[in-house]
């Protein structure tokens, strides 16, 4: 990319002159603490020193042992700017886009490029879509919490919210559904058979029978019998699928013992798949700790009492918003479907960490009846719910009337910021997705606050004037050089 002062920039118009600097996203670009974000995330991308290894060599002086490696590698592709990648995560979850849609729209939107720290318009993609996932994995849960913390600090420094509001919160739980198909027994059994057969072939194990044709036919029959409500035939079909899966598992187990030359990585993957397939084969409809997806063993079946959707398959997520303004100050996932009240202490711990720069910590928490009986586990915090209605003061009863304000916030998290379906892998993916959705929610909250309060960019007018002055100076310098060159040619 050309740097300021190079000749190619004389004919390129800066983004600060192409866009409306009063656009809410342009204003937010000048108010987010980018230096703080870069300082917090930079250690995750520092080059690590590798341990050296002893290498035996023979030369003219005889055998010797030398150490290879052991230094910081200088090779490799230079990393992309941290501000660019962090802004892409903000834009992704603020607009509920996939990684592919995000990079395509970024290349067409000049305001987004200005928000990402670009000085000139770039028609190219900012990065490959897969690099966003690698960046997200590299920074981890602590890194995405820094992104959420930056939005909270921006709301305070912009005076869109007062620090005193962080003392009273509304906390509730919801379900972040995983990107899995509905867990039907016949489908799970067929997928388990297919995965085990594929992993066995990859490990070099030749199976006597793979039941490919019969497995597909049984899966089709099971769907037809279920649709026609012919449950006796459906039960018989599913039983045959269990038998087939058991035959395949036993044959693979026998041939593994006969083949000591199986690669370690392939053998480990095969053992994991066989354990999951055995769980699917033996589990019954009313068993606990059932496996609902081969690729996502962390998925839980959670019932929230909804008439339209009695059961949801995913992970429980706790969210915390401020009582008056509704700013998202915490989002945390919890594996194992714990009781709602048992998640409160960890949620308040996260909120305390994210709001530590404001000098305030939670003192009152307004919750529903799912958080009863946990007062002793949260000392120093007053828990308010309608189960204590007779002992509440008039102020507490007024605060309790706003408990339902968290419900539309959860609705926006799901429908506007992507929490309705998590596509990231594993329990870590669930944790990252929950926090990033909360960061995207706060970005939209800040954009509305900028419009409501009429905020302006901190340095936008000054930067625009500096760009105009620099462009005029560069053009004058170029013209002077041209004149001097013409005069020298005439003198020669």
Protein backbone atom coordinates (compact mmCIF):
# COMPACT_ATOMS: atom_id res chain seq x y z
CA UNK A 1 0.00 0.00 0.00
CA UNK A 2 1.49 3.40 -0.91
CA UNK A 3 2.65 5.50 2.02
CA UNK A 4 2.01 9.25 2.44
CA UNK A 5 4.51 11.29 0.47
CA UNK A 6 4.88 8.83 -2.40
CA UNK A 7 4.01 9.95 -5.90
CA UNK A 8 1.13 7.49 -6.28
CA UNK A 9 -0.77 9.26 -3.47
CA UNK A 10 -0.88 12.56 -5.37
CA UNK A 11 -3.72 11.19 -7.47
CA UNK A 12 -5.61 9.39 -4.70
CA UNK A 13 -8.25 11.15 -2.67
CA UNK A 14 -8.10 10.38 1.08
CA UNK A 15 -11.10 8.63 2.60
CA UNK A 16 -11.50 11.51 5.06
CA UNK A 17 -12.42 13.73 2.08
CA UNK A 18 -14.68 11.14 0.41
CA UNK A 19 -17.07 10.44 3.29
CA UNK A 20 -19.26 12.43 5.64
CA UNK A 21 -17.19 12.72 8.81
CA UNK A 22 -20.42 13.18 10.79
CA UNK A 23 -21.54 9.67 9.84
CA UNK A 24 -22.05 7.73 13.11
CA UNK A 25 -19.54 5.04 12.13
CA UNK A 26 -16.94 7.67 11.17
CA UNK A 27 -17.47 9.37 14.53
CA UNK A 28 -17.16 6.05 16.34
CA UNK A 29 -13.90 5.35 14.49
CA UNK A 30 -12.32 8.39 16.14
CA UNK A 31 -13.66 7.54 19.60
CA UNK A 32 -12.82 3.87 20.01
CA UNK A 33 -9.54 3.32 21.93
CA UNK A 34 -7.64 1.65 19.09
CA UNK A 35 -4.26 2.08 20.78
CA UNK A 36 -5.57 0.29 23.87
CA UNK A 37 -6.98 -2.55 21.73
CA UNK A 38 -3.72 -2.98 19.81
CA UNK A 39 -1.66 -2.98 23.00
CA UNK A 40 -3.89 -5.64 24.55
CA UNK A 41 -3.94 -7.93 21.50
CA UNK A 42 -0.34 -7.51 20.28
CA UNK A 43 1.17 -10.09 22.73
CA UNK A 44 -0.96 -12.83 21.11
CA UNK A 45 0.94 -12.33 17.82
CA UNK A 46 4.51 -11.98 19.10
CA UNK A 47 6.92 -14.40 17.45
CA UNK A 48 7.84 -17.22 19.82
CA UNK A 49 11.37 -18.52 20.28
CA UNK A 50 11.65 -22.16 19.26
CA UNK A 51 13.70 -24.69 21.15
CA UNK A 52 16.81 -25.89 19.36
CA UNK A 53 17.39 -29.53 18.48
CA UNK A 54 20.66 -31.43 18.38
CA UNK A 55 21.75 -32.54 14.90
CA UNK A 56 24.68 -34.93 14.37
CA UNK A 57 26.97 -33.99 11.46
CA UNK A 58 30.14 -35.35 9.89
CA UNK A 59 32.62 -32.91 8.34
CA UNK A 60 36.36 -32.69 7.68
CA UNK A 61 37.07 -32.42 11.41
CA UNK A 62 35.09 -35.51 12.32
CA UNK A 63 31.64 -36.09 13.84
CA UNK A 64 30.07 -33.20 15.71
CA UNK A 65 26.75 -32.17 17.24
CA UNK A 66 25.23 -28.82 16.34
CA UNK A 67 22.09 -27.09 17.54
CA UNK A 68 19.56 -26.26 14.82
CA UNK A 69 16.88 -23.67 15.36
CA UNK A 70 16.46 -22.17 18.79
CA UNK A 71 15.94 -18.56 17.68
CA UNK A 72 13.01 -16.35 16.86
CA UNK A 73 11.98 -17.06 13.29
CA UNK A 74 12.01 -14.00 11.06
CA UNK A 75 10.39 -15.79 8.14
CA UNK A 76 6.67 -15.87 7.40
CA UNK A 77 4.05 -13.61 6.00
CA UNK A 78 3.73 -10.22 7.77
CA UNK A 79 0.58 -10.08 9.85
CA UNK A 80 -2.26 -7.76 9.00
CA UNK A 81 -2.87 -4.65 11.16
CA UNK A 82 -4.60 -5.49 14.44
CA UNK A 83 -6.96 -2.55 14.04
CA UNK A 84 -8.10 -3.88 10.67
CA UNK A 85 -8.86 -7.36 12.04
CA UNK A 86 -10.52 -6.04 15.20
CA UNK A 87 -12.73 -3.70 13.17
CA UNK A 88 -13.72 -6.60 10.93
CA UNK A 89 -14.93 -8.52 13.98
CA UNK A 90 -16.90 -5.48 15.12
CA UNK A 91 -18.52 -5.03 11.70
CA UNK A 92 -19.24 -8.74 11.32
CA UNK A 93 -21.28 -8.99 14.50
CA UNK A 94 -22.81 -5.53 14.30
CA UNK A 95 -24.32 -6.44 10.91
CA UNK A 96 -24.75 -10.24 11.35
CA UNK A 97 -22.60 -11.22 8.37
CA UNK A 98 -20.62 -14.31 7.50
CA UNK A 99 -16.87 -13.99 7.01
CA UNK A 100 -17.26 -14.19 3.21
CA UNK A 101 -20.02 -11.56 3.09
CA UNK A 102 -18.01 -9.31 5.40
CA UNK A 103 -14.87 -9.08 3.25
CA UNK A 104 -16.95 -8.55 0.10
CA UNK A 105 -18.94 -5.67 1.60
CA UNK A 106 -15.81 -4.14 3.16
CA UNK A 107 -14.23 -3.79 -0.29
CA UNK A 108 -17.28 -1.79 -1.47
CA UNK A 109 -17.95 0.39 1.59
CA UNK A 110 -15.72 3.44 2.06
CA UNK A 111 -17.12 4.20 5.53
CA UNK A 112 -16.20 0.72 6.71
CA UNK A 113 -12.69 1.19 5.36
CA UNK A 114 -12.35 4.50 7.20
CA UNK A 115 -13.56 2.75 10.37
CA UNK A 116 -10.85 0.12 9.86
CA UNK A 117 -8.08 2.72 9.74
CA UNK A 118 -7.53 2.84 5.96
CA UNK A 119 -6.29 6.18 4.60
CA UNK A 120 -7.18 5.55 0.95
CA UNK A 121 -9.89 3.56 -0.77
CA UNK A 122 -8.91 -0.09 -1.40
CA UNK A 123 -10.96 -2.03 -3.98
CA UNK A 124 -9.27 -5.28 -2.92
CA UNK A 125 -10.51 -7.62 -0.19
CA UNK A 126 -9.00 -6.74 3.21
CA UNK A 127 -7.96 -10.35 3.78
CA UNK A 128 -9.00 -13.88 3.04
CA UNK A 129 -12.18 -14.89 4.88
CA UNK A 130 -10.35 -17.69 6.68
CA UNK A 131 -7.92 -15.22 8.26
CA UNK A 132 -10.75 -13.78 10.35
CA UNK A 133 -11.28 -17.16 11.97
CA UNK A 134 -7.58 -17.59 12.63
CA UNK A 135 -7.37 -14.13 14.21
CA UNK A 136 -10.38 -14.88 16.40
CA UNK A 137 -8.82 -18.17 17.55
CA UNK A 138 -5.45 -16.53 18.21
CA UNK A 139 -6.77 -13.82 20.54
CA UNK A 140 -8.95 -16.28 22.46
CA UNK A 141 -11.60 -15.45 25.03
CA UNK A 142 -9.43 -12.85 26.77
CA UNK A 143 -8.91 -11.02 23.47
CA UNK A 144 -12.60 -10.80 22.54
CA UNK A 145 -13.36 -9.61 26.07
CA UNK A 146 -10.91 -6.76 25.40
CA UNK A 147 -13.00 -5.85 22.35
CA UNK A 148 -16.14 -5.82 24.49
CA UNK A 149 -14.38 -3.77 27.17
CA UNK A 150 -13.34 -1.19 24.57
CA UNK A 151 -16.98 -0.57 23.65
CA UNK A 152 -17.88 -0.09 27.32
CA UNK A 153 -15.00 2.37 27.83
CA UNK A 154 -16.05 4.27 24.70
CA UNK A 155 -19.60 4.62 26.02
CA UNK A 156 -18.23 6.12 29.25
CA UNK A 157 -15.69 8.47 27.66
CA UNK A 158 -18.31 9.69 25.18
CA UNK A 159 -20.65 10.42 28.09
CA UNK A 160 -23.34 8.27 26.53
CA UNK A 161 -23.65 6.49 29.88
CA UNK A 162 -22.67 7.42 33.41
CA UNK A 163 -20.32 5.25 35.48
CA UNK A 164 -22.94 5.06 38.23
CA UNK A 165 -25.14 2.92 35.96
CA UNK A 166 -22.75 -0.01 36.25
CA UNK A 167 -23.78 -0.47 39.87
CA UNK A 168 -27.27 -1.79 39.00
CA UNK A 169 -27.63 -4.53 36.38
CA UNK A 170 -30.19 -6.87 34.90
CA UNK A 171 -28.98 -10.45 34.43
CA UNK A 172 -30.72 -13.25 32.54
CA UNK A 173 -29.87 -16.45 30.69
CA UNK A 174 -30.70 -17.66 27.20
CA UNK A 175 -29.70 -20.49 24.87
CA UNK A 176 -27.14 -20.00 22.10
CA UNK A 177 -28.08 -22.71 19.63
CA UNK A 178 -25.40 -24.68 17.83
CA UNK A 179 -25.31 -25.15 14.07
CA UNK A 180 -26.46 -28.77 14.11
CA UNK A 181 -29.33 -30.62 12.47
CA UNK A 182 -32.24 -31.76 14.61
CA UNK A 183 -30.90 -34.86 16.45
CA UNK A 184 -33.02 -37.68 15.03
CA UNK A 185 -31.86 -41.20 15.99
CA UNK A 186 -31.84 -42.60 12.45
CA UNK A 187 -29.80 -39.67 11.16
CA UNK A 188 -27.28 -39.84 14.02
CA UNK A 189 -26.77 -43.58 13.50
CA UNK A 190 -26.20 -43.19 9.75
CA UNK A 191 -23.75 -40.30 10.24
CA UNK A 192 -21.87 -42.28 12.89
CA UNK A 193 -21.50 -45.23 10.52
CA UNK A 194 -20.32 -43.00 7.69
CA UNK A 195 -17.77 -41.16 9.87
CA UNK A 196 -16.30 -44.34 11.31
CA UNK A 197 -15.96 -45.97 7.86
CA UNK A 198 -14.29 -42.84 6.44
CA UNK A 199 -11.84 -42.58 9.35
CA UNK A 200 -10.99 -46.30 9.06
CA UNK A 201 -10.18 -45.93 5.35
CA UNK A 202 -8.01 -42.90 6.12
CA UNK A 203 -6.09 -44.98 8.64
CA UNK A 204 -5.51 -47.72 6.04
CA UNK A 205 -7.96 -50.25 7.47
CA UNK A 206 -9.79 -52.32 4.84
CA UNK A 207 -13.30 -53.27 6.02
CA UNK A 208 -15.14 -56.38 4.91
CA UNK A 209 -18.47 -54.54 4.73
CA UNK A 210 -19.25 -50.82 4.95
CA UNK A 211 -23.07 -51.04 4.51
CA UNK A 212 -23.13 -47.90 2.37
CA UNK A 213 -26.11 -48.84 0.22
CA UNK A 214 -28.13 -50.38 3.05
CA UNK A 215 -27.39 -47.42 5.32
CA UNK A 216 -28.75 -44.91 2.79
CA UNK A 217 -31.84 -47.06 2.17
CA UNK A 218 -32.55 -47.40 5.89
CA UNK A 219 -32.18 -43.64 6.40
CA UNK A 220 -34.73 -42.99 3.64
CA UNK A 221 -37.14 -45.58 5.05
CA UNK A 222 -36.90 -44.12 8.55
CA UNK A 223 -37.84 -40.68 7.24
CA UNK A 224 -40.84 -42.07 5.38
CA UNK A 225 -42.07 -44.14 8.34
CA UNK A 226 -41.75 -41.18 10.71
CA UNK A 227 -43.69 -38.92 8.34
CA UNK A 228 -46.44 -41.55 7.99
CA UNK A 229 -46.44 -42.18 11.78
CA UNK A 230 -45.74 -45.89 11.26
CA UNK A 231 -43.81 -46.18 14.49
CA UNK A 232 -43.48 -49.97 14.60
CA UNK A 233 -41.74 -50.00 11.23
CA UNK A 234 -39.65 -47.01 12.28
CA UNK A 235 -38.52 -48.82 15.44
CA UNK A 236 -37.53 -51.88 13.41
CA UNK A 237 -35.53 -49.73 10.96
CA UNK A 238 -33.67 -47.90 13.72
CA UNK A 239 -32.86 -51.23 15.38
CA UNK A 240 -31.28 -52.44 12.14
CA UNK A 241 -29.22 -49.25 11.96
CA UNK A 242 -27.92 -49.87 15.47
CA UNK A 243 -26.98 -53.42 14.48
CA UNK A 244 -25.08 -52.24 11.40
CA UNK A 245 -23.18 -49.63 13.40
CA UNK A 246 -22.23 -52.26 15.97
CA UNK A 247 -20.92 -54.60 13.24
CA UNK A 248 -18.73 -51.83 11.81
CA UNK A 249 -17.38 -50.80 15.23
CA UNK A 250 -16.46 -54.35 16.21
CA UNK A 251 -14.70 -55.00 12.90
CA UNK A 252 -12.69 -51.78 13.15
CA UNK A 253 -11.74 -52.63 16.74
CA UNK A 254 -10.48 -56.09 15.71
CA UNK A 255 -8.43 -54.82 12.79
CA UNK A 256 -6.81 -52.02 14.80
CA UNK A 257 -5.21 -54.67 17.04
CA UNK A 258 -3.93 -56.52 13.96
CA UNK A 259 -2.32 -53.38 12.44
CA UNK A 260 0.40 -51.90 14.64
CA UNK A 261 1.53 -49.62 11.79
CA UNK A 262 -1.46 -47.24 11.98
CA UNK A 263 -0.35 -43.54 12.15
CA UNK A 264 -0.75 -42.03 15.61
CA UNK A 265 -2.86 -39.06 14.48
CA UNK A 266 -5.25 -41.19 12.43
CA UNK A 267 -5.51 -43.70 15.28
CA UNK A 268 -6.39 -40.98 17.82
CA UNK A 269 -9.07 -39.50 15.56
CA UNK A 270 -10.48 -42.98 14.91
CA UNK A 271 -10.68 -43.79 18.63
CA UNK A 272 -12.53 -40.52 19.34
CA UNK A 273 -15.04 -41.22 16.57
CA UNK A 274 -15.55 -44.79 17.77
CA UNK A 275 -16.27 -43.63 21.32
CA UNK A 276 -18.84 -41.11 20.10
CA UNK A 277 -20.41 -43.66 17.76
CA UNK A 278 -20.71 -46.16 20.62
CA UNK A 279 -22.47 -43.52 22.71
CA UNK A 280 -24.94 -42.89 19.89
CA UNK A 281 -25.50 -46.63 19.40
CA UNK A 282 -26.24 -47.38 23.05
CA UNK A 283 -28.06 -44.23 24.21
CA UNK A 284 -31.79 -44.43 24.91
CA UNK A 285 -34.47 -41.71 24.50
CA UNK A 286 -34.59 -40.79 28.21
CA UNK A 287 -30.88 -41.06 28.97
CA UNK A 288 -28.96 -38.13 30.41
CA UNK A 289 -25.76 -36.78 28.81
CA UNK A 290 -26.86 -37.85 25.35
CA UNK A 291 -24.78 -37.08 22.28
CA UNK A 292 -26.71 -34.89 19.86
CA UNK A 293 -24.10 -34.39 17.13
CA UNK A 294 -20.96 -36.24 16.08
CA UNK A 295 -19.03 -33.04 15.35
CA UNK A 296 -20.25 -31.13 18.44
CA UNK A 297 -20.22 -33.34 21.57
CA UNK A 298 -20.56 -30.24 23.79
CA UNK A 299 -24.16 -29.59 22.70
CA UNK A 300 -26.80 -29.79 25.45
CA UNK A 301 -30.57 -30.16 25.22
CA UNK A 302 -31.98 -27.19 27.17
CA UNK A 303 -35.66 -26.60 27.88
CA UNK A 304 -36.64 -22.99 28.60
CA UNK A 305 -40.41 -23.48 28.84
CA UNK A 306 -41.23 -21.89 25.48
CA UNK A 307 -44.43 -23.07 23.83
CA UNK A 308 -43.13 -22.53 20.30
CA UNK A 309 -39.79 -24.27 20.97
CA UNK A 310 -39.84 -26.60 23.99
CA UNK A 311 -36.20 -27.69 23.56
CA UNK A 312 -33.14 -25.92 22.18
CA UNK A 313 -29.81 -27.58 21.38
CA UNK A 314 -26.78 -25.52 22.24
CA UNK A 315 -25.17 -23.93 25.29
CA UNK A 316 -26.52 -21.73 28.06
CA UNK A 317 -25.37 -18.09 27.91
CA UNK A 318 -25.73 -15.49 30.66
CA UNK A 319 -26.00 -11.81 29.67
CA UNK A 320 -25.85 -8.66 31.79
CA UNK A 321 -27.13 -5.20 30.78
CA UNK A 322 -27.24 -1.91 32.64
CA UNK A 323 -30.56 -1.20 34.32
CA UNK A 324 -31.39 2.13 32.67
CA UNK A 325 -29.57 2.42 29.34
CA UNK A 326 -29.36 -1.27 28.41
CA UNK A 327 -25.64 -1.36 27.53
CA UNK A 328 -24.28 -4.92 27.35
CA UNK A 329 -21.62 -5.30 30.04
CA UNK A 330 -21.23 -9.07 30.13
CA UNK A 331 -21.86 -12.26 28.14
CA UNK A 332 -20.59 -15.66 29.17
CA UNK A 333 -21.30 -19.23 28.06
CA UNK A 334 -21.67 -22.12 30.52
CA UNK A 335 -21.27 -25.75 29.53
CA UNK A 336 -23.27 -28.53 31.16
CA UNK A 337 -26.60 -26.64 31.45
CA UNK A 338 -26.13 -25.40 35.06
CA UNK A 339 -28.88 -23.91 37.22
CA UNK A 340 -29.37 -20.23 36.39
CA UNK A 341 -28.49 -19.07 39.88
CA UNK A 342 -25.16 -20.90 39.82
CA UNK A 343 -24.03 -18.80 36.85
CA UNK A 344 -24.50 -15.47 38.61
CA UNK A 345 -21.18 -15.37 40.48
CA UNK A 346 -19.09 -15.97 37.35
CA UNK A 347 -21.16 -13.48 35.36
CA UNK A 348 -20.64 -10.76 37.98
CA UNK A 349 -16.92 -11.58 38.03
CA UNK A 350 -16.73 -10.91 34.29
CA UNK A 351 -18.70 -7.67 34.63
CA UNK A 352 -16.37 -6.48 37.41
CA UNK A 353 -13.32 -7.10 35.21
CA UNK A 354 -14.80 -5.37 32.15
CA UNK A 355 -15.91 -2.28 34.11
CA UNK A 356 -12.85 -1.93 36.36
CA UNK A 357 -11.65 1.21 34.54
CA UNK A 358 -14.90 3.01 35.43
CA UNK A 359 -14.22 2.68 39.15
CA UNK A 360 -17.62 1.11 39.78
CA UNK A 361 -18.73 -2.47 40.45
CA UNK A 362 -22.18 -4.15 40.57
CA UNK A 363 -24.12 -3.60 43.80
CA UNK A 364 -27.70 -4.49 42.81
CA UNK A 365 -28.75 -7.20 40.37
CA UNK A 366 -32.33 -7.52 39.12
CA UNK A 367 -33.15 -11.08 38.07
CA UNK A 368 -36.05 -13.50 37.59
CA UNK A 369 -37.07 -16.42 39.80
CA UNK A 370 -34.45 -18.68 38.23
CA UNK A 371 -31.84 -16.98 40.44
CA UNK A 372 -33.42 -17.71 43.82
CA UNK A 373 -31.35 -19.04 46.67
CA UNK A 374 -27.90 -17.77 45.67
CA UNK A 375 -27.59 -14.74 47.98
CA UNK A 376 -24.95 -16.47 50.12
CA UNK A 377 -22.78 -17.18 47.05
CA UNK A 378 -22.74 -13.49 46.03
CA UNK A 379 -21.75 -11.42 49.08
CA UNK A 380 -21.78 -7.68 48.66
CA UNK A 381 -24.39 -7.81 45.87
CA UNK A 382 -28.10 -7.23 46.48
CA UNK A 383 -30.18 -9.69 44.42
CA UNK A 384 -33.68 -8.44 43.64
CA UNK A 385 -36.44 -10.72 42.31
CA UNK A 386 -40.19 -11.00 42.78
CA UNK A 387 -39.80 -13.90 45.19
CA UNK A 388 -38.85 -11.26 47.80
CA UNK A 389 -41.70 -8.92 46.86
CA UNK A 390 -43.08 -8.47 50.40
CA UNK A 391 -39.71 -7.45 51.80
CA UNK A 392 -38.76 -5.08 48.96
CA UNK A 393 -38.77 -1.32 49.34
CA UNK A 394 -40.64 0.99 46.97
CA UNK A 395 -37.38 1.73 45.09
CA UNK A 396 -36.70 -1.98 44.68
CA UNK A 397 -40.19 -2.53 43.31
CA UNK A 398 -39.65 0.22 40.75
CA UNK A 399 -36.37 -1.37 39.71
CA UNK A 400 -38.06 -4.76 39.44
CA UNK A 401 -40.52 -3.38 36.86
CA UNK A 402 -37.63 -2.95 34.41
CA UNK A 403 -36.42 -6.54 34.66
CA UNK A 404 -38.18 -7.37 31.36
CA UNK A 405 -35.93 -4.82 29.59
CA UNK A 406 -33.34 -7.57 29.17
CA UNK A 407 -35.69 -9.62 26.96
CA UNK A 408 -35.60 -7.31 23.91
CA UNK A 409 -31.83 -7.02 24.38
CA UNK A 410 -31.57 -10.81 24.08
CA UNK A 411 -33.86 -10.69 21.05
CA UNK A 412 -31.60 -8.16 19.33
CA UNK A 413 -28.53 -10.23 20.26
CA UNK A 414 -30.04 -13.18 18.42
CA UNK A 415 -31.67 -11.55 15.42
CA UNK A 416 -29.31 -8.60 14.79
CA UNK A 417 -25.94 -9.86 16.07
CA UNK A 418 -25.94 -13.59 15.28
CA UNK A 419 -26.43 -15.31 18.64
CA UNK A 420 -29.34 -17.31 17.25
CA UNK A 421 -26.90 -19.84 15.73
CA UNK A 422 -23.25 -20.49 16.56
CA UNK A 423 -21.08 -21.87 13.74
CA UNK A 424 -17.79 -21.88 15.65
CA UNK A 425 -16.19 -25.13 16.76
CA UNK A 426 -16.21 -26.51 20.27
CA UNK A 427 -16.84 -24.99 23.68
CA UNK A 428 -14.23 -22.29 22.98
CA UNK A 429 -16.17 -21.31 19.86
CA UNK A 430 -19.32 -20.92 21.96
CA UNK A 431 -17.50 -18.66 24.42
CA UNK A 432 -15.97 -16.49 21.69
CA UNK A 433 -19.24 -16.17 19.79
CA UNK A 434 -21.21 -15.05 22.86
CA UNK A 435 -18.76 -12.25 23.73
CA UNK A 436 -18.43 -11.08 20.11
CA UNK A 437 -22.21 -10.89 19.74
CA UNK A 438 -22.30 -8.68 22.83
CA UNK A 439 -19.57 -6.47 21.31
CA UNK A 440 -21.60 -6.17 18.09
CA UNK A 441 -24.66 -5.24 20.14
CA UNK A 442 -22.69 -2.47 21.86
CA UNK A 443 -21.46 -1.14 18.51
CA UNK A 444 -25.06 -0.70 17.38
CA UNK A 445 -25.87 0.84 20.77
CA UNK A 446 -23.03 3.36 20.36
CA UNK A 447 -24.13 4.28 16.83
CA UNK A 448 -27.62 5.07 18.12
CA UNK A 449 -26.13 7.07 21.02
CA UNK A 450 -24.00 9.12 18.61
CA UNK A 451 -27.09 10.06 16.63
CA UNK A 452 -29.13 10.76 19.76
CA UNK A 453 -26.51 12.93 21.45
CA UNK A 454 -25.18 14.59 18.29
CA UNK A 455 -21.60 13.53 18.98
CA UNK A 456 -18.85 14.44 16.55
CA UNK A 457 -15.45 12.98 15.78
CA UNK A 458 -12.69 14.04 18.13
CA UNK A 459 -10.11 14.88 15.46
CA UNK A 460 -12.07 14.57 12.23
CA UNK A 461 -12.11 18.30 11.24
CA UNK A 462 -8.42 18.69 12.12
CA UNK A 463 -7.46 15.58 10.13
CA UNK A 464 -9.42 16.77 7.11
CA UNK A 465 -7.63 20.11 7.16
CA UNK A 466 -4.25 18.42 7.57
CA UNK A 467 -4.95 16.18 4.57
CA UNK A 468 -5.91 19.16 2.42
CA UNK A 469 -2.81 21.07 3.53
CA UNK A 470 -0.52 18.07 2.88
CA UNK A 471 -2.04 17.46 -0.57
CA UNK A 472 -1.60 21.15 -1.52
CA UNK A 473 2.01 21.13 -0.28
CA UNK A 474 2.78 17.96 -2.24
CA UNK A 475 1.29 19.38 -5.43
CA UNK A 476 3.27 22.62 -5.00
CA UNK A 477 6.49 20.67 -4.43
CA UNK A 478 5.89 18.58 -7.54
CA UNK A 479 5.18 21.67 -9.62
CA UNK A 480 8.36 23.34 -8.35
CA UNK A 481 10.40 20.28 -9.27
CA UNK A 482 8.85 20.26 -12.73
CA UNK A 483 9.71 23.91 -13.31
CA UNK A 484 13.28 23.44 -12.09
CA UNK A 485 13.70 20.45 -14.39
CA UNK A 486 12.43 22.43 -17.40
CA UNK A 487 14.75 25.35 -16.61
CA UNK A 488 17.77 23.04 -16.36
CA UNK A 489 16.94 21.47 -19.72
CA UNK A 490 16.74 24.92 -21.34
CA UNK A 491 20.09 25.98 -19.85
CA UNK A 492 21.75 22.83 -21.21
